[in-house]
Amino acid sequence: MIMFGGKSESLSAAVEAYLLALKLEGRSEGTRRYYRYILRRLARDLKDAPVTSVKVEHLHQHLRRLGDSGISSASLTVYCTVVKRFFGWLAEQGKIKDSPLAGMHIHAAPWHPTPPFTKDEIRRLLKAATAPIEKVVLLLLLNTGLRVSELVGLEVEDIDLRRNEIKVVGKGNKQRIVALHAGPKAALREYFKSQADGLLWPEGWDRQKVARLLDDIGRRAGVSRVFPHRFRHTFSCYWSLETNDLLALQQICGWSSLAMVQRYTAWVQEQRALDVHKKHSLVA
């Protein structure tokens, strides 16, 4: 351990040590990948400075630059939380004397139910997806509700074309089985014809590349706000509308509590409440 007052680690070296600590704690690959993206961006922005030289004003400037870059308030809140946890860990390990963000209070960003894609938007997205990998990504997300980290973590052996099932490794390395429907199955068969190396995804496939692929499809289809997690909301909302079986939805999506089910289906509940309200009035 490099102690405060001795030779100081660079930010990039400290980030890699922190990521290793997260792995040893059992944090999921998806979580570690997201932390890696945020913290490596921080290290680049601060010119890989020694950790003991980073002051609160440097971090505030970094976070302001992020805010000015156009990211959402919700994303900025996550960024702030990750950076604060990182510097808290540095202090716990004795790599710095105190966290420069110890007194920073992070308020949750305003939350609004995420609306699902409409059936027309889904039709346009599928029509705009011309490459085999585009069709596979869209159909898997729409039909399974997978997290993007779970999607990129899939391997060929996880897909059982005979039983029409997919093995998914979710948060905390918890495994579950989801159904493989006819549309995604046909798209996978076609896609496998172009994959000569025996791998499911191209080399270096990650959540950022999935996000760029979906954004590109959205622009071609003329559909706005096409990002990976909106497909999980869409899957959950249509499941709730068509089956109302929230316990089954909890299992399929890999949530540990019904609270998350309610969060992802909040748009449906909001619409149902409004419909009921329109039919009932205290005064005519």
C-alpha atoms as a PDB file:
ATOM      1  CA  MET A   1       0.000   0.000   0.000  1.00  0.00           C
ATOM      2  CA  ILE A   2       1.295   3.471  -0.855  1.00  0.00           C
ATOM      3  CA  MET A   3       0.720   5.625   2.190  1.00  0.00           C
ATOM      4  CA  PHE A   4      -0.107   9.321   2.276  1.00  0.00           C
ATOM      5  CA  GLY A   5       3.099  11.282   2.547  1.00  0.00           C
ATOM      6  CA  GLY A   6       5.126   8.772   0.537  1.00  0.00           C
ATOM      7  CA  LYS A   7       5.457   8.485  -3.243  1.00  0.00           C
ATOM      8  CA  SER A   8       1.986   9.154  -4.596  1.00  0.00           C
ATOM      9  CA  GLU A   9       0.226   6.888  -7.067  1.00  0.00           C
ATOM     10  CA  SER A  10      -1.040   8.286 -10.326  1.00  0.00           C
ATOM     11  CA  LEU A  11      -4.781   8.415 -10.867  1.00  0.00           C
ATOM     12  CA  SER A  12      -4.651   5.706 -13.536  1.00  0.00           C
ATOM     13  CA  ALA A  13      -2.741   3.314 -11.251  1.00  0.00           C
ATOM     14  CA  ALA A  14      -5.167   3.995  -8.394  1.00  0.00           C
ATOM     15  CA  VAL A  15      -8.144   3.386 -10.708  1.00  0.00           C
ATOM     16  CA  GLU A  16      -6.802  -0.035 -11.701  1.00  0.00           C
ATOM     17  CA  ALA A  17      -6.223  -0.932  -8.038  1.00  0.00           C
ATOM     18  CA  TYR A  18      -9.790   0.130  -7.220  1.00  0.00           C
ATOM     19  CA  LEU A  19     -11.214  -1.941 -10.068  1.00  0.00           C
ATOM     20  CA  LEU A  20      -9.330  -4.972  -8.778  1.00  0.00           C
ATOM     21  CA  ALA A  21     -10.755  -4.350  -5.303  1.00  0.00           C
ATOM     22  CA  LEU A  22     -14.270  -4.229  -6.787  1.00  0.00           C
ATOM     23  CA  LYS A  23     -13.655  -7.552  -8.512  1.00  0.00           C
ATOM     24  CA  LEU A  24     -12.467  -9.149  -5.271  1.00  0.00           C
ATOM     25  CA  GLU A  25     -15.614  -7.822  -3.575  1.00  0.00           C
ATOM     26  CA  GLY A  26     -17.682  -9.729  -6.108  1.00  0.00           C
ATOM     27  CA  ARG A  27     -19.024  -6.740  -8.015  1.00  0.00           C
ATOM     28  CA  SER A  28     -20.416  -7.717 -11.413  1.00  0.00           C
ATOM     29  CA  GLU A  29     -18.496  -7.313 -14.644  1.00  0.00           C
ATOM     30  CA  GLY A  30     -21.100  -4.827 -15.854  1.00  0.00           C
ATOM     31  CA  THR A  31     -20.653  -2.644 -12.760  1.00  0.00           C
ATOM     32  CA  ARG A  32     -16.861  -2.789 -13.018  1.00  0.00           C
ATOM     33  CA  ARG A  33     -16.979  -1.942 -16.710  1.00  0.00           C
ATOM     34  CA  TYR A  34     -19.108   1.120 -15.987  1.00  0.00           C
ATOM     35  CA  TYR A  35     -16.823   2.259 -13.146  1.00  0.00           C
ATOM     36  CA  ARG A  36     -13.817   1.718 -15.417  1.00  0.00           C
ATOM     37  CA  TYR A  37     -15.310   3.962 -18.083  1.00  0.00           C
ATOM     38  CA  ILE A  38     -16.087   6.782 -15.627  1.00  0.00           C
ATOM     39  CA  LEU A  39     -12.823   6.662 -13.695  1.00  0.00           C
ATOM     40  CA  ARG A  40     -10.526   6.305 -16.684  1.00  0.00           C
ATOM     41  CA  ARG A  41     -12.257   9.333 -18.150  1.00  0.00           C
ATOM     42  CA  LEU A  42     -11.537  11.180 -14.908  1.00  0.00           C
ATOM     43  CA  ALA A  43      -7.858  10.185 -15.021  1.00  0.00           C
ATOM     44  CA  ARG A  44      -7.521  11.398 -18.620  1.00  0.00           C
ATOM     45  CA  ASP A  45      -9.273  14.678 -17.902  1.00  0.00           C
ATOM     46  CA  LEU A  46      -6.993  15.380 -14.916  1.00  0.00           C
ATOM     47  CA  LYS A  47      -3.842  14.476 -16.908  1.00  0.00           C
ATOM     48  CA  ASP A  48      -3.206  11.384 -14.773  1.00  0.00           C
ATOM     49  CA  ALA A  49      -2.172  13.544 -11.831  1.00  0.00           C
ATOM     50  CA  PRO A  50      -0.877  12.012  -8.564  1.00  0.00           C
ATOM     51  CA  VAL A  51      -3.837  11.174  -6.348  1.00  0.00           C
ATOM     52  CA  THR A  52      -2.475  13.323  -3.498  1.00  0.00           C
ATOM     53  CA  SER A  53      -2.449  16.409  -5.731  1.00  0.00           C
ATOM     54  CA  VAL A  54      -6.163  16.222  -6.649  1.00  0.00           C
ATOM     55  CA  LYS A  55      -8.145  18.927  -4.887  1.00  0.00           C
ATOM     56  CA  VAL A  56     -11.860  19.451  -4.590  1.00  0.00           C
ATOM     57  CA  GLU A  57     -11.751  22.303  -7.127  1.00  0.00           C
ATOM     58  CA  HIS A  58     -10.210  19.944  -9.729  1.00  0.00           C
ATOM     59  CA  LEU A  59     -13.046  17.464  -9.248  1.00  0.00           C
ATOM     60  CA  HIS A  60     -15.693  20.170  -9.353  1.00  0.00           C
ATOM     61  CA  GLN A  61     -14.213  21.433 -12.640  1.00  0.00           C
ATOM     62  CA  HIS A  62     -14.248  17.893 -14.040  1.00  0.00           C
ATOM     63  CA  LEU A  63     -17.881  17.376 -13.053  1.00  0.00           C
ATOM     64  CA  ARG A  64     -18.865  20.775 -14.464  1.00  0.00           C
ATOM     65  CA  ARG A  65     -17.246  19.856 -17.783  1.00  0.00           C
ATOM     66  CA  LEU A  66     -19.268  16.656 -17.798  1.00  0.00           C
ATOM     67  CA  GLY A  67     -22.436  18.624 -17.141  1.00  0.00           C
ATOM     68  CA  ASP A  68     -21.597  21.019 -19.971  1.00  0.00           C
ATOM     69  CA  SER A  69     -21.065  18.096 -22.344  1.00  0.00           C
ATOM     70  CA  GLY A  70     -24.813  17.496 -22.465  1.00  0.00           C
ATOM     71  CA  ILE A  71     -25.213  14.333 -20.407  1.00  0.00           C
ATOM     72  CA  SER A  72     -28.450  13.931 -18.484  1.00  0.00           C
ATOM     73  CA  SER A  73     -28.824  14.971 -14.864  1.00  0.00           C
ATOM     74  CA  ALA A  74     -29.396  11.321 -13.941  1.00  0.00           C
ATOM     75  CA  SER A  75     -26.113  10.287 -15.583  1.00  0.00           C
ATOM     76  CA  LEU A  76     -24.275  13.142 -13.910  1.00  0.00           C
ATOM     77  CA  THR A  77     -25.608  11.993 -10.541  1.00  0.00           C
ATOM     78  CA  VAL A  78     -24.200   8.515 -11.203  1.00  0.00           C
ATOM     79  CA  TYR A  79     -20.837  10.007 -12.247  1.00  0.00           C
ATOM     80  CA  CYS A  80     -20.663  12.042  -9.028  1.00  0.00           C
ATOM     81  CA  THR A  81     -21.497   8.979  -6.933  1.00  0.00           C
ATOM     82  CA  VAL A  82     -18.814   6.825  -8.581  1.00  0.00           C
ATOM     83  CA  VAL A  83     -16.110   9.503  -8.251  1.00  0.00           C
ATOM     84  CA  LYS A  84     -17.020  10.123  -4.605  1.00  0.00           C
ATOM     85  CA  ARG A  85     -16.858   6.397  -3.814  1.00  0.00           C
ATOM     86  CA  PHE A  86     -13.477   6.130  -5.519  1.00  0.00           C
ATOM     87  CA  PHE A  87     -11.931   8.926  -3.453  1.00  0.00           C
ATOM     88  CA  GLY A  88     -13.563   7.565  -0.310  1.00  0.00           C
ATOM     89  CA  TRP A  89     -11.844   4.241  -1.020  1.00  0.00           C
ATOM     90  CA  LEU A  90      -8.502   6.010  -1.569  1.00  0.00           C
ATOM     91  CA  ALA A  91      -8.842   7.594   1.875  1.00  0.00           C
ATOM     92  CA  GLU A  92      -9.775   4.256   3.473  1.00  0.00           C
ATOM     93  CA  GLN A  93      -6.682   2.658   1.939  1.00  0.00           C
ATOM     94  CA  GLY A  94      -4.387   5.432   3.154  1.00  0.00           C
ATOM     95  CA  LYS A  95      -3.495   6.514  -0.364  1.00  0.00           C
ATOM     96  CA  ILE A  96      -4.726  10.043   0.424  1.00  0.00           C
ATOM     97  CA  LYS A  97      -5.247  11.729   3.763  1.00  0.00           C
ATOM     98  CA  ASP A  98      -8.900  12.657   3.277  1.00  0.00           C
ATOM     99  CA  SER A  99     -11.349  12.452   0.407  1.00  0.00           C
ATOM    100  CA  PRO A 100     -11.732  15.885  -1.233  1.00  0.00           C
ATOM    101  CA  LEU A 101     -15.414  15.016  -1.797  1.00  0.00           C
ATOM    102  CA  ALA A 102     -16.141  13.857   1.767  1.00  0.00           C
ATOM    103  CA  GLY A 103     -18.518  16.756   2.397  1.00  0.00           C
ATOM    104  CA  MET A 104     -20.229  16.603  -0.987  1.00  0.00           C
ATOM    105  CA  HIS A 105     -23.960  15.837  -0.833  1.00  0.00           C
ATOM    106  CA  ILE A 106     -25.371  14.207  -3.954  1.00  0.00           C
ATOM    107  CA  HIS A 107     -29.067  14.752  -4.483  1.00  0.00           C
ATOM    108  CA  ALA A 108     -30.975  12.266  -6.587  1.00  0.00           C
ATOM    109  CA  ALA A 109     -31.900  13.616  -9.988  1.00  0.00           C
ATOM    110  CA  PRO A 110     -35.612  14.190 -10.641  1.00  0.00           C
ATOM    111  CA  TRP A 111     -37.141  10.915 -11.776  1.00  0.00           C
ATOM    112  CA  HIS A 112     -39.888  10.437 -14.311  1.00  0.00           C
ATOM    113  CA  PRO A 113     -41.292   7.159 -15.643  1.00  0.00           C
ATOM    114  CA  THR A 114     -39.525   6.124 -18.834  1.00  0.00           C
ATOM    115  CA  PRO A 115     -42.081   5.698 -21.635  1.00  0.00           C
ATOM    116  CA  PRO A 116     -41.763   2.555 -23.758  1.00  0.00           C
ATOM    117  CA  PHE A 117     -41.285   2.639 -27.490  1.00  0.00           C
ATOM    118  CA  THR A 118     -44.600   2.678 -29.298  1.00  0.00           C
ATOM    119  CA  LYS A 119     -45.502  -0.215 -31.584  1.00  0.00           C
ATOM    120  CA  ASP A 120     -44.933   2.094 -34.566  1.00  0.00           C
ATOM    121  CA  GLU A 121     -41.477   3.090 -33.281  1.00  0.00           C
ATOM    122  CA  ILE A 122     -40.589  -0.579 -32.805  1.00  0.00           C
ATOM    123  CA  ARG A 123     -41.695  -1.322 -36.366  1.00  0.00           C
ATOM    124  CA  ARG A 124     -39.548   1.535 -37.711  1.00  0.00           C
ATOM    125  CA  LEU A 125     -36.513   0.448 -35.690  1.00  0.00           C
ATOM    126  CA  LEU A 126     -36.769  -3.120 -36.964  1.00  0.00           C
ATOM    127  CA  LYS A 127     -37.160  -1.900 -40.526  1.00  0.00           C
ATOM    128  CA  ALA A 128     -34.056   0.306 -40.187  1.00  0.00           C
ATOM    129  CA  ALA A 129     -31.969  -2.582 -38.832  1.00  0.00           C
ATOM    130  CA  THR A 130     -30.413  -4.020 -41.978  1.00  0.00           C
ATOM    131  CA  ALA A 131     -27.178  -5.660 -40.759  1.00  0.00           C
ATOM    132  CA  PRO A 132     -27.513  -9.117 -39.120  1.00  0.00           C
ATOM    133  CA  ILE A 133     -25.941  -7.922 -35.856  1.00  0.00           C
ATOM    134  CA  GLU A 134     -28.389  -5.001 -35.706  1.00  0.00           C
ATOM    135  CA  LYS A 135     -31.366  -7.327 -36.028  1.00  0.00           C
ATOM    136  CA  VAL A 136     -29.992  -9.675 -33.342  1.00  0.00           C
ATOM    137  CA  VAL A 137     -29.362  -6.865 -30.859  1.00  0.00           C
ATOM    138  CA  LEU A 138     -32.770  -5.264 -31.386  1.00  0.00           C
ATOM    139  CA  LEU A 139     -34.751  -8.495 -31.208  1.00  0.00           C
ATOM    140  CA  LEU A 140     -32.924  -9.823 -28.157  1.00  0.00           C
ATOM    141  CA  LEU A 141     -33.402  -6.570 -26.244  1.00  0.00           C
ATOM    142  CA  LEU A 142     -37.059  -6.274 -27.228  1.00  0.00           C
ATOM    143  CA  ASN A 143     -37.931  -9.902 -26.469  1.00  0.00           C
ATOM    144  CA  THR A 144     -35.895 -10.595 -23.325  1.00  0.00           C
ATOM    145  CA  GLY A 145     -35.484  -7.308 -21.423  1.00  0.00           C
ATOM    146  CA  LEU A 146     -31.772  -8.018 -20.941  1.00  0.00           C
ATOM    147  CA  ARG A 147     -29.507  -5.426 -19.367  1.00  0.00           C
ATOM    148  CA  VAL A 148     -26.916  -4.221 -21.874  1.00  0.00           C
ATOM    149  CA  SER A 149     -24.155  -5.724 -19.692  1.00  0.00           C
ATOM    150  CA  GLU A 150     -25.953  -9.078 -19.865  1.00  0.00           C
ATOM    151  CA  LEU A 151     -26.315  -8.785 -23.625  1.00  0.00           C
ATOM    152  CA  VAL A 152     -22.612  -8.136 -24.257  1.00  0.00           C
ATOM    153  CA  GLY A 153     -21.727 -10.879 -21.774  1.00  0.00           C
ATOM    154  CA  LEU A 154     -23.599 -13.563 -23.731  1.00  0.00           C
ATOM    155  CA  GLU A 155     -21.541 -16.317 -25.320  1.00  0.00           C
ATOM    156  CA  VAL A 156     -22.434 -18.876 -27.981  1.00  0.00           C
ATOM    157  CA  GLU A 157     -22.757 -21.675 -25.419  1.00  0.00           C
ATOM    158  CA  ASP A 158     -25.358 -19.647 -23.484  1.00  0.00           C
ATOM    159  CA  ILE A 159     -27.798 -19.946 -26.379  1.00  0.00           C
ATOM    160  CA  ASP A 160     -29.706 -23.233 -26.674  1.00  0.00           C
ATOM    161  CA  LEU A 161     -31.376 -23.266 -30.088  1.00  0.00           C
ATOM    162  CA  ARG A 162     -32.864 -26.700 -29.444  1.00  0.00           C
ATOM    163  CA  ARG A 163     -34.611 -25.810 -26.174  1.00  0.00           C
ATOM    164  CA  ASN A 164     -35.272 -22.207 -27.237  1.00  0.00           C
ATOM    165  CA  GLU A 165     -33.592 -20.851 -24.106  1.00  0.00           C
ATOM    166  CA  ILE A 166     -30.849 -18.393 -23.194  1.00  0.00           C
ATOM    167  CA  LYS A 167     -28.770 -18.602 -20.031  1.00  0.00           C
ATOM    168  CA  VAL A 168     -28.178 -15.135 -18.600  1.00  0.00           C
ATOM    169  CA  VAL A 169     -25.601 -14.180 -15.968  1.00  0.00           C
ATOM    170  CA  GLY A 170     -26.899 -11.102 -14.184  1.00  0.00           C
ATOM    171  CA  LYS A 171     -25.845  -8.895 -11.288  1.00  0.00           C
ATOM    172  CA  GLY A 172     -24.036 -10.706  -8.514  1.00  0.00           C
ATOM    173  CA  ASN A 173     -23.320 -13.553 -10.965  1.00  0.00           C
ATOM    174  CA  LYS A 174     -26.895 -14.764 -10.537  1.00  0.00           C
ATOM    175  CA  GLN A 175     -28.035 -17.011 -13.380  1.00  0.00           C
ATOM    176  CA  ARG A 176     -31.484 -17.187 -14.901  1.00  0.00           C
ATOM    177  CA  ILE A 177     -33.073 -18.618 -18.031  1.00  0.00           C
ATOM    178  CA  VAL A 178     -35.109 -16.585 -20.523  1.00  0.00           C
ATOM    179  CA  ALA A 179     -37.015 -17.732 -23.579  1.00  0.00           C
ATOM    180  CA  LEU A 180     -35.649 -17.541 -27.121  1.00  0.00           C
ATOM    181  CA  HIS A 181     -38.574 -16.684 -29.403  1.00  0.00           C
ATOM    182  CA  ALA A 182     -38.882 -17.350 -33.112  1.00  0.00           C
ATOM    183  CA  GLY A 183     -37.870 -13.856 -34.289  1.00  0.00           C
ATOM    184  CA  PRO A 184     -34.605 -13.604 -32.348  1.00  0.00           C
ATOM    185  CA  LYS A 185     -33.840 -17.268 -33.075  1.00  0.00           C
ATOM    186  CA  ALA A 186     -34.129 -16.729 -36.849  1.00  0.00           C
ATOM    187  CA  ALA A 187     -32.005 -13.568 -36.593  1.00  0.00           C
ATOM    188  CA  LEU A 188     -29.354 -15.478 -34.625  1.00  0.00           C
ATOM    189  CA  ARG A 189     -29.229 -18.284 -37.204  1.00  0.00           C
ATOM    190  CA  GLU A 190     -28.694 -15.739 -39.973  1.00  0.00           C
ATOM    191  CA  TYR A 191     -26.107 -13.852 -37.929  1.00  0.00           C
ATOM    192  CA  PHE A 192     -24.147 -17.022 -37.094  1.00  0.00           C
ATOM    193  CA  LYS A 193     -23.503 -17.510 -40.806  1.00  0.00           C
ATOM    194  CA  SER A 194     -21.269 -14.408 -40.760  1.00  0.00           C
ATOM    195  CA  GLN A 195     -19.426 -15.340 -37.541  1.00  0.00           C
ATOM    196  CA  ALA A 196     -16.581 -17.601 -38.635  1.00  0.00           C
ATOM    197  CA  ASP A 197     -14.505 -17.297 -35.437  1.00  0.00           C
ATOM    198  CA  GLY A 198     -16.974 -19.106 -33.210  1.00  0.00           C
ATOM    199  CA  LEU A 199     -17.605 -16.024 -31.084  1.00  0.00           C
ATOM    200  CA  LEU A 200     -21.015 -14.458 -30.570  1.00  0.00           C
ATOM    201  CA  TRP A 201     -19.879 -10.836 -30.679  1.00  0.00           C
ATOM    202  CA  PRO A 202     -17.086  -8.987 -32.517  1.00  0.00           C
ATOM    203  CA  GLU A 203     -13.783  -8.400 -30.753  1.00  0.00           C
ATOM    204  CA  GLY A 204     -13.981  -5.521 -28.268  1.00  0.00           C
ATOM    205  CA  TRP A 205     -17.778  -5.595 -28.118  1.00  0.00           C
ATOM    206  CA  ASP A 206     -18.982  -3.545 -25.140  1.00  0.00           C
ATOM    207  CA  ARG A 207     -21.899  -1.435 -23.867  1.00  0.00           C
ATOM    208  CA  GLN A 208     -20.615   1.736 -25.559  1.00  0.00           C
ATOM    209  CA  LYS A 209     -20.573   0.020 -28.956  1.00  0.00           C
ATOM    210  CA  VAL A 210     -24.089  -1.308 -28.371  1.00  0.00           C
ATOM    211  CA  ALA A 211     -25.227   2.216 -27.459  1.00  0.00           C
ATOM    212  CA  ARG A 212     -23.682   3.646 -30.639  1.00  0.00           C
ATOM    213  CA  LEU A 213     -25.246   0.895 -32.759  1.00  0.00           C
ATOM    214  CA  LEU A 214     -28.697   1.570 -31.308  1.00  0.00           C
ATOM    215  CA  ASP A 215     -28.315   5.330 -31.642  1.00  0.00           C
ATOM    216  CA  ASP A 216     -27.390   4.872 -35.308  1.00  0.00           C
ATOM    217  CA  ILE A 217     -30.447   2.675 -35.920  1.00  0.00           C
ATOM    218  CA  GLY A 218     -32.615   5.253 -34.167  1.00  0.00           C
ATOM    219  CA  ARG A 219     -31.350   8.090 -36.376  1.00  0.00           C
ATOM    220  CA  ARG A 220     -32.015   6.053 -39.518  1.00  0.00           C
ATOM    221  CA  ALA A 221     -35.488   5.144 -38.262  1.00  0.00           C
ATOM    222  CA  GLY A 222     -36.337   8.675 -37.153  1.00  0.00           C
ATOM    223  CA  VAL A 223     -36.917   7.521 -33.578  1.00  0.00           C
ATOM    224  CA  SER A 224     -35.585   9.644 -30.711  1.00  0.00           C
ATOM    225  CA  ARG A 225     -34.073   8.558 -27.382  1.00  0.00           C
ATOM    226  CA  VAL A 226     -32.933   5.132 -28.568  1.00  0.00           C
ATOM    227  CA  PHE A 227     -30.649   3.908 -25.788  1.00  0.00           C
ATOM    228  CA  PRO A 228     -30.099   0.384 -24.399  1.00  0.00           C
ATOM    229  CA  HIS A 229     -31.956   0.668 -21.109  1.00  0.00           C
ATOM    230  CA  ARG A 230     -35.107   1.987 -22.739  1.00  0.00           C
ATOM    231  CA  PHE A 231     -35.561  -1.455 -24.288  1.00  0.00           C
ATOM    232  CA  ARG A 232     -35.675  -2.975 -20.786  1.00  0.00           C
ATOM    233  CA  HIS A 233     -38.363  -0.458 -19.836  1.00  0.00           C
ATOM    234  CA  THR A 234     -40.253  -1.248 -23.047  1.00  0.00           C
ATOM    235  CA  PHE A 235     -40.120  -4.993 -22.426  1.00  0.00           C
ATOM    236  CA  SER A 236     -41.347  -4.513 -18.847  1.00  0.00           C
ATOM    237  CA  CYS A 237     -44.188  -2.173 -19.785  1.00  0.00           C
ATOM    238  CA  TYR A 238     -45.595  -4.378 -22.547  1.00  0.00           C
ATOM    239  CA  TRP A 239     -45.258  -7.454 -20.320  1.00  0.00           C
ATOM    240  CA  SER A 240     -47.277  -5.665 -17.637  1.00  0.00           C
ATOM    241  CA  LEU A 241     -49.897  -4.524 -20.153  1.00  0.00           C
ATOM    242  CA  GLU A 242     -50.310  -7.934 -21.744  1.00  0.00           C
ATOM    243  CA  THR A 243     -49.917 -10.330 -18.788  1.00  0.00           C
ATOM    244  CA  ASN A 244     -49.969  -8.300 -15.556  1.00  0.00           C
ATOM    245  CA  ASP A 245     -47.850 -11.132 -14.073  1.00  0.00           C
ATOM    246  CA  LEU A 246     -45.346  -9.038 -12.118  1.00  0.00           C
ATOM    247  CA  LEU A 247     -43.833 -11.965 -10.214  1.00  0.00           C
ATOM    248  CA  ALA A 248     -42.894 -13.666 -13.486  1.00  0.00           C
ATOM    249  CA  LEU A 249     -41.517 -10.360 -14.789  1.00  0.00           C
ATOM    250  CA  GLN A 250     -39.332 -10.072 -11.678  1.00  0.00           C
ATOM    251  CA  GLN A 251     -37.856 -13.501 -12.392  1.00  0.00           C
ATOM    252  CA  ILE A 252     -37.318 -12.938 -16.117  1.00  0.00           C
ATOM    253  CA  CYS A 253     -35.606  -9.569 -15.581  1.00  0.00           C
ATOM    254  CA  GLY A 254     -33.499 -10.767 -12.665  1.00  0.00           C
ATOM    255  CA  TRP A 255     -34.689  -8.301 -10.035  1.00  0.00           C
ATOM    256  CA  SER A 256     -34.330  -9.089  -6.350  1.00  0.00           C
ATOM    257  CA  SER A 257     -37.488  -7.238  -5.288  1.00  0.00           C
ATOM    258  CA  LEU A 258     -40.866  -6.122  -6.576  1.00  0.00           C
ATOM    259  CA  ALA A 259     -39.799  -2.517  -5.952  1.00  0.00           C
ATOM    260  CA  MET A 260     -37.741  -2.634  -9.151  1.00  0.00           C
ATOM    261  CA  VAL A 261     -40.671  -4.152 -11.042  1.00  0.00           C
ATOM    262  CA  GLN A 262     -42.828  -1.233  -9.938  1.00  0.00           C
ATOM    263  CA  ARG A 263     -40.163   1.255 -11.016  1.00  0.00           C
ATOM    264  CA  TYR A 264     -39.845  -0.224 -14.501  1.00  0.00           C
ATOM    265  CA  THR A 265     -43.596  -0.501 -14.997  1.00  0.00           C
ATOM    266  CA  ALA A 266     -44.340   2.935 -13.492  1.00  0.00           C
ATOM    267  CA  TRP A 267     -45.346   4.334 -16.879  1.00  0.00           C
ATOM    268  CA  VAL A 268     -48.023   1.652 -17.225  1.00  0.00           C
ATOM    269  CA  GLN A 269     -49.336   2.295 -13.718  1.00  0.00           C
ATOM    270  CA  GLU A 270     -49.415   6.024 -14.396  1.00  0.00           C
ATOM    271  CA  GLN A 271     -51.441   5.518 -17.581  1.00  0.00           C
ATOM    272  CA  ARG A 272     -53.849   3.104 -15.893  1.00  0.00           C
ATOM    273  CA  ALA A 273     -54.408   5.524 -13.021  1.00  0.00           C
ATOM    274  CA  LEU A 274     -55.090   8.355 -15.466  1.00  0.00           C
ATOM    275  CA  ASP A 275     -57.582   6.218 -17.418  1.00  0.00           C
ATOM    276  CA  VAL A 276     -59.449   5.366 -14.207  1.00  0.00           C
ATOM    277  CA  HIS A 277     -59.429   9.000 -13.119  1.00  0.00           C
ATOM    278  CA  LYS A 278     -60.925  10.122 -16.425  1.00  0.00           C
ATOM    279  CA  LYS A 279     -63.877   7.802 -15.825  1.00  0.00           C
ATOM    280  CA  HIS A 280     -64.570   9.012 -12.296  1.00  0.00           C
ATOM    281  CA  SER A 281     -65.233  12.529 -11.025  1.00  0.00           C
ATOM    282  CA  LEU A 282     -66.393  13.833  -7.691  1.00  0.00           C
ATOM    283  CA  VAL A 283     -68.377  16.620  -9.322  1.00  0.00           C
ATOM    284  CA  ALA A 284     -69.893  16.274 -12.804  1.00  0.00           C
END
